[in-house]
Amino acid sequence: MIVRLAQWMLKTKFGDFLEVLYYDGQKESIALVMGEVNDGEEILCRVHSSCIAAHIFNSIECDCREQMEMSQFWIEQEGKGGVIWLDQEGKGNGHLALLASRPLKAQGLSQADAYERVGYKIDARDYTRAAEILRDLGVKSVTLLTNNSRKADDLTRVGINIAGIRPIYKSAEGNKEKP
């Protein structure tokens, strides 16, 4: 069970978001909320896992930072929505799994195959906390900001009503909308 610990307004380059801190007894999670989402339907929502390389070290080897920025940009354009940040580095396997898999990824394996080859799950993320946060915020349905349709399936399994999916990129070629 997740518990709301604290909240405060956070000023970002994409406007002011209410930052809400949650705790489940082991890990913290954060909701960034813009506008009124209580009783809201089709609320823009990004469920985002931590990425030390991109968010802290500004790595260009993945697009996690860009996905976060684009999600905040679209939420600002809409005037309401939220980002649920989960401490699930390395697709839930942790940073060690990410580092251990790097040599195999450099040899051309996909990240998923590299995780599996070094003894980790392809994707160990759990969206139960995200579902609990969305319920606490009173969100009735979301338009999920993601390129990963499995994330929508996983969220549906934990009781979230997915009204739609908005891909982070405009096209399959990966052309990004610039915030």
C-alpha atoms as a PDB file:
ATOM      1  CA  MET A   1       0.000   0.000   0.000  1.00  0.00           C
ATOM      2  CA  ILE A   2       1.278   3.412  -0.934  1.00  0.00           C
ATOM      3  CA  VAL A   3       1.130   6.402   1.431  1.00  0.00           C
ATOM      4  CA  ARG A   4       1.141  10.082   0.469  1.00  0.00           C
ATOM      5  CA  LEU A   5       3.925  11.715   2.485  1.00  0.00           C
ATOM      6  CA  ALA A   6       4.232  15.313   1.293  1.00  0.00           C
ATOM      7  CA  GLN A   7       3.526  17.700  -1.553  1.00  0.00           C
ATOM      8  CA  TRP A   8       4.692  21.067  -2.793  1.00  0.00           C
ATOM      9  CA  MET A   9       4.608  23.137  -5.982  1.00  0.00           C
ATOM     10  CA  LEU A  10       7.604  22.554  -8.259  1.00  0.00           C
ATOM     11  CA  LYS A  11       8.533  25.197 -10.825  1.00  0.00           C
ATOM     12  CA  THR A  12       9.840  23.632 -14.056  1.00  0.00           C
ATOM     13  CA  LYS A  13      10.672  24.903 -17.511  1.00  0.00           C
ATOM     14  CA  PHE A  14       7.287  23.453 -18.492  1.00  0.00           C
ATOM     15  CA  GLY A  15       5.290  25.293 -15.850  1.00  0.00           C
ATOM     16  CA  ASP A  16       4.299  24.627 -12.263  1.00  0.00           C
ATOM     17  CA  PHE A  17       3.562  21.061 -11.196  1.00  0.00           C
ATOM     18  CA  LEU A  18       2.337  19.810  -7.856  1.00  0.00           C
ATOM     19  CA  GLU A  19       5.007  17.346  -6.709  1.00  0.00           C
ATOM     20  CA  VAL A  20       3.449  14.617  -4.559  1.00  0.00           C
ATOM     21  CA  LEU A  21       5.764  12.209  -2.727  1.00  0.00           C
ATOM     22  CA  TYR A  22       4.574   8.662  -2.020  1.00  0.00           C
ATOM     23  CA  TYR A  23       6.152   5.786  -0.091  1.00  0.00           C
ATOM     24  CA  ASP A  24       5.318   2.077  -0.103  1.00  0.00           C
ATOM     25  CA  GLY A  25       7.529   0.968   2.798  1.00  0.00           C
ATOM     26  CA  GLN A  26      10.520   0.338   0.533  1.00  0.00           C
ATOM     27  CA  LYS A  27      10.664   2.881  -2.270  1.00  0.00           C
ATOM     28  CA  GLU A  28       9.576   6.432  -2.924  1.00  0.00           C
ATOM     29  CA  SER A  29       7.529   7.370  -5.975  1.00  0.00           C
ATOM     30  CA  ILE A  30       6.611  10.833  -7.198  1.00  0.00           C
ATOM     31  CA  ALA A  31       3.622  12.237  -9.032  1.00  0.00           C
ATOM     32  CA  LEU A  32       4.039  15.523 -10.903  1.00  0.00           C
ATOM     33  CA  VAL A  33       0.553  16.885 -11.468  1.00  0.00           C
ATOM     34  CA  MET A  34      -0.560  19.903 -13.455  1.00  0.00           C
ATOM     35  CA  GLY A  35      -4.103  21.165 -13.238  1.00  0.00           C
ATOM     36  CA  GLU A  36      -7.150  19.421 -11.832  1.00  0.00           C
ATOM     37  CA  VAL A  37      -7.062  15.663 -12.430  1.00  0.00           C
ATOM     38  CA  ASN A  38      -9.468  14.483  -9.716  1.00  0.00           C
ATOM     39  CA  ASP A  39     -12.446  12.772 -11.386  1.00  0.00           C
ATOM     40  CA  GLY A  40     -10.666  13.373 -14.692  1.00  0.00           C
ATOM     41  CA  GLU A  41     -10.977  11.206 -17.754  1.00  0.00           C
ATOM     42  CA  GLU A  42      -8.467  10.824 -20.574  1.00  0.00           C
ATOM     43  CA  ILE A  43      -5.857  12.596 -18.435  1.00  0.00           C
ATOM     44  CA  LEU A  44      -2.461  12.751 -20.139  1.00  0.00           C
ATOM     45  CA  CYS A  45      -0.161  10.530 -18.103  1.00  0.00           C
ATOM     46  CA  ARG A  46       3.440   9.422 -18.413  1.00  0.00           C
ATOM     47  CA  VAL A  47       4.494   6.516 -16.183  1.00  0.00           C
ATOM     48  CA  HIS A  48       8.256   6.957 -16.154  1.00  0.00           C
ATOM     49  CA  SER A  49      10.973   4.793 -14.622  1.00  0.00           C
ATOM     50  CA  SER A  50      14.172   6.250 -13.242  1.00  0.00           C
ATOM     51  CA  CYS A  51      17.227   6.365 -15.488  1.00  0.00           C
ATOM     52  CA  ILE A  52      20.409   7.420 -13.745  1.00  0.00           C
ATOM     53  CA  ALA A  53      22.412   7.641 -16.974  1.00  0.00           C
ATOM     54  CA  ALA A  54      19.972   9.996 -18.722  1.00  0.00           C
ATOM     55  CA  HIS A  55      18.505  12.011 -15.861  1.00  0.00           C
ATOM     56  CA  ILE A  56      21.624  12.512 -13.772  1.00  0.00           C
ATOM     57  CA  PHE A  57      24.559  12.061 -16.148  1.00  0.00           C
ATOM     58  CA  ASN A  58      22.888  13.388 -19.346  1.00  0.00           C
ATOM     59  CA  SER A  59      23.704  10.238 -21.305  1.00  0.00           C
ATOM     60  CA  ILE A  60      22.872  10.259 -24.998  1.00  0.00           C
ATOM     61  CA  GLU A  61      22.681   6.439 -25.128  1.00  0.00           C
ATOM     62  CA  CYS A  62      18.967   6.446 -24.337  1.00  0.00           C
ATOM     63  CA  ASP A  63      16.057   8.838 -24.716  1.00  0.00           C
ATOM     64  CA  CYS A  64      14.623   8.728 -21.186  1.00  0.00           C
ATOM     65  CA  ARG A  65      15.353  12.394 -20.470  1.00  0.00           C
ATOM     66  CA  GLU A  66      13.804  13.449 -23.767  1.00  0.00           C
ATOM     67  CA  GLN A  67      10.696  11.360 -23.102  1.00  0.00           C
ATOM     68  CA  MET A  68      10.283  13.042 -19.709  1.00  0.00           C
ATOM     69  CA  GLU A  69      10.691  16.507 -21.234  1.00  0.00           C
ATOM     70  CA  MET A  70       8.273  15.796 -24.058  1.00  0.00           C
ATOM     71  CA  SER A  71       5.702  14.434 -21.625  1.00  0.00           C
ATOM     72  CA  GLN A  72       5.922  17.553 -19.469  1.00  0.00           C
ATOM     73  CA  PHE A  73       5.688  19.707 -22.599  1.00  0.00           C
ATOM     74  CA  TRP A  74       2.482  17.967 -23.769  1.00  0.00           C
ATOM     75  CA  ILE A  75       0.968  18.150 -20.301  1.00  0.00           C
ATOM     76  CA  GLU A  76       1.715  21.875 -20.216  1.00  0.00           C
ATOM     77  CA  GLN A  77       0.073  22.277 -23.645  1.00  0.00           C
ATOM     78  CA  GLU A  78      -2.998  20.382 -22.430  1.00  0.00           C
ATOM     79  CA  GLY A  79      -3.081  22.355 -19.165  1.00  0.00           C
ATOM     80  CA  LYS A  80      -3.458  19.243 -17.056  1.00  0.00           C
ATOM     81  CA  GLY A  81      -1.988  15.800 -16.653  1.00  0.00           C
ATOM     82  CA  GLY A  82       0.621  13.963 -14.710  1.00  0.00           C
ATOM     83  CA  VAL A  83       3.894  12.126 -14.646  1.00  0.00           C
ATOM     84  CA  ILE A  84       4.275   9.164 -12.301  1.00  0.00           C
ATOM     85  CA  TRP A  85       7.978   8.610 -11.562  1.00  0.00           C
ATOM     86  CA  LEU A  86       8.900   5.150 -10.300  1.00  0.00           C
ATOM     87  CA  ASP A  87      12.241   4.005  -8.899  1.00  0.00           C
ATOM     88  CA  GLN A  88      12.659   1.175 -11.430  1.00  0.00           C
ATOM     89  CA  GLU A  89      16.123   1.643 -12.928  1.00  0.00           C
ATOM     90  CA  GLY A  90      17.116  -0.800 -15.643  1.00  0.00           C
ATOM     91  CA  LYS A  91      13.526  -1.836 -16.430  1.00  0.00           C
ATOM     92  CA  GLY A  92      13.124  -2.772 -12.788  1.00  0.00           C
ATOM     93  CA  ASN A  93      16.305  -4.858 -12.639  1.00  0.00           C
ATOM     94  CA  GLY A  94      18.483  -2.137 -11.117  1.00  0.00           C
ATOM     95  CA  HIS A  95      21.574  -0.263 -12.227  1.00  0.00           C
ATOM     96  CA  LEU A  96      23.867  -3.280 -11.858  1.00  0.00           C
ATOM     97  CA  ALA A  97      21.835  -5.145 -14.480  1.00  0.00           C
ATOM     98  CA  LEU A  98      22.138  -2.171 -16.797  1.00  0.00           C
ATOM     99  CA  LEU A  99      25.917  -2.008 -16.399  1.00  0.00           C
ATOM    100  CA  ALA A 100      26.338  -5.782 -16.673  1.00  0.00           C
ATOM    101  CA  SER A 101      24.335  -5.829 -19.907  1.00  0.00           C
ATOM    102  CA  ARG A 102      26.222  -2.973 -21.600  1.00  0.00           C
ATOM    103  CA  PRO A 103      28.962  -5.100 -23.229  1.00  0.00           C
ATOM    104  CA  LEU A 104      26.343  -7.327 -24.853  1.00  0.00           C
ATOM    105  CA  LYS A 105      24.330  -4.344 -26.019  1.00  0.00           C
ATOM    106  CA  ALA A 106      27.522  -2.884 -27.518  1.00  0.00           C
ATOM    107  CA  GLN A 107      27.868  -6.151 -29.480  1.00  0.00           C
ATOM    108  CA  GLY A 108      24.459  -5.548 -31.041  1.00  0.00           C
ATOM    109  CA  LEU A 109      22.024  -7.338 -28.738  1.00  0.00           C
ATOM    110  CA  SER A 110      18.812  -5.555 -27.853  1.00  0.00           C
ATOM    111  CA  GLN A 111      18.615  -4.261 -24.279  1.00  0.00           C
ATOM    112  CA  ALA A 112      16.011  -6.920 -23.470  1.00  0.00           C
ATOM    113  CA  ASP A 113      18.144  -9.762 -24.857  1.00  0.00           C
ATOM    114  CA  ALA A 114      21.214  -8.399 -23.076  1.00  0.00           C
ATOM    115  CA  TYR A 115      19.362  -8.368 -19.740  1.00  0.00           C
ATOM    116  CA  GLU A 116      18.231 -11.932 -20.265  1.00  0.00           C
ATOM    117  CA  ARG A 117      21.701 -13.104 -21.291  1.00  0.00           C
ATOM    118  CA  VAL A 118      23.267 -11.763 -18.058  1.00  0.00           C
ATOM    119  CA  GLY A 119      20.582 -13.397 -15.921  1.00  0.00           C
ATOM    120  CA  TYR A 120      17.930 -10.705 -15.441  1.00  0.00           C
ATOM    121  CA  LYS A 121      14.322 -10.390 -16.545  1.00  0.00           C
ATOM    122  CA  ILE A 122      13.652  -8.730 -19.884  1.00  0.00           C
ATOM    123  CA  ASP A 123      11.369  -6.311 -18.044  1.00  0.00           C
ATOM    124  CA  ALA A 124      10.919  -6.531 -14.263  1.00  0.00           C
ATOM    125  CA  ARG A 125       8.923  -3.333 -13.854  1.00  0.00           C
ATOM    126  CA  ASP A 126       5.810  -3.363 -11.687  1.00  0.00           C
ATOM    127  CA  TYR A 127       3.106  -0.745 -12.185  1.00  0.00           C
ATOM    128  CA  THR A 128       1.131  -1.440  -9.011  1.00  0.00           C
ATOM    129  CA  ARG A 129       2.467   1.726  -7.354  1.00  0.00           C
ATOM    130  CA  ALA A 130       1.532   3.811 -10.402  1.00  0.00           C
ATOM    131  CA  ALA A 131      -2.012   2.447 -10.239  1.00  0.00           C
ATOM    132  CA  GLU A 132      -2.286   3.222  -6.524  1.00  0.00           C
ATOM    133  CA  ILE A 133      -1.035   6.774  -7.138  1.00  0.00           C
ATOM    134  CA  LEU A 134      -3.521   7.366  -9.962  1.00  0.00           C
ATOM    135  CA  ARG A 135      -6.343   6.103  -7.743  1.00  0.00           C
ATOM    136  CA  ASP A 136      -5.169   8.370  -4.896  1.00  0.00           C
ATOM    137  CA  LEU A 137      -5.230  11.331  -7.301  1.00  0.00           C
ATOM    138  CA  GLY A 138      -8.777  10.413  -8.349  1.00  0.00           C
ATOM    139  CA  VAL A 139      -7.949   9.847 -12.023  1.00  0.00           C
ATOM    140  CA  LYS A 140     -10.681   7.853 -13.789  1.00  0.00           C
ATOM    141  CA  SER A 141      -8.891   7.175 -17.089  1.00  0.00           C
ATOM    142  CA  VAL A 142      -5.631   8.133 -18.760  1.00  0.00           C
ATOM    143  CA  THR A 143      -4.234   8.764 -22.186  1.00  0.00           C
ATOM    144  CA  LEU A 144      -0.869   7.137 -21.740  1.00  0.00           C
ATOM    145  CA  LEU A 145       2.212   8.892 -23.100  1.00  0.00           C
ATOM    146  CA  THR A 146       4.339   5.946 -24.207  1.00  0.00           C
ATOM    147  CA  ASN A 147       5.836   4.031 -27.108  1.00  0.00           C
ATOM    148  CA  ASN A 148       5.385   0.778 -25.184  1.00  0.00           C
ATOM    149  CA  SER A 149       1.955  -0.815 -25.660  1.00  0.00           C
ATOM    150  CA  ARG A 150       2.879  -3.485 -23.060  1.00  0.00           C
ATOM    151  CA  LYS A 151       2.923  -0.719 -20.451  1.00  0.00           C
ATOM    152  CA  ALA A 152      -0.740  -0.050 -21.220  1.00  0.00           C
ATOM    153  CA  ASP A 153      -1.490  -3.767 -20.891  1.00  0.00           C
ATOM    154  CA  ASP A 154       0.353  -3.934 -17.554  1.00  0.00           C
ATOM    155  CA  LEU A 155      -1.474  -0.873 -16.209  1.00  0.00           C
ATOM    156  CA  THR A 156      -4.818  -2.299 -17.328  1.00  0.00           C
ATOM    157  CA  ARG A 157      -4.032  -5.500 -15.394  1.00  0.00           C
ATOM    158  CA  VAL A 158      -3.595  -3.442 -12.202  1.00  0.00           C
ATOM    159  CA  GLY A 159      -6.901  -1.653 -12.688  1.00  0.00           C
ATOM    160  CA  ILE A 160      -6.133   1.497 -14.679  1.00  0.00           C
ATOM    161  CA  ASN A 161      -8.566   2.502 -17.416  1.00  0.00           C
ATOM    162  CA  ILE A 162      -6.494   3.330 -20.508  1.00  0.00           C
ATOM    163  CA  ALA A 163      -8.536   5.625 -22.741  1.00  0.00           C
ATOM    164  CA  GLY A 164      -5.790   5.811 -25.349  1.00  0.00           C
ATOM    165  CA  ILE A 165      -2.098   5.872 -26.080  1.00  0.00           C
ATOM    166  CA  ARG A 166      -0.189   8.860 -27.415  1.00  0.00           C
ATOM    167  CA  PRO A 167       3.236   7.844 -28.716  1.00  0.00           C
ATOM    168  CA  ILE A 168       6.183   9.940 -27.635  1.00  0.00           C
ATOM    169  CA  TYR A 169       7.396  10.156 -31.260  1.00  0.00           C
ATOM    170  CA  LYS A 170       5.472  11.397 -34.250  1.00  0.00           C
ATOM    171  CA  SER A 171       6.570   8.571 -36.525  1.00  0.00           C
ATOM    172  CA  ALA A 172       8.023   5.087 -36.467  1.00  0.00           C
ATOM    173  CA  GLU A 173      11.299   6.527 -37.762  1.00  0.00           C
ATOM    174  CA  GLY A 174      11.775   8.205 -34.383  1.00  0.00           C
ATOM    175  CA  ASN A 175      11.381  11.834 -35.430  1.00  0.00           C
ATOM    176  CA  LYS A 176      10.808  13.646 -32.183  1.00  0.00           C
ATOM    177  CA  GLU A 177       8.557  16.579 -31.588  1.00  0.00           C
ATOM    178  CA  LYS A 178      10.727  19.200 -29.955  1.00  0.00           C
ATOM    179  CA  PRO A 179       9.450  20.842 -26.790  1.00  0.00           C
END
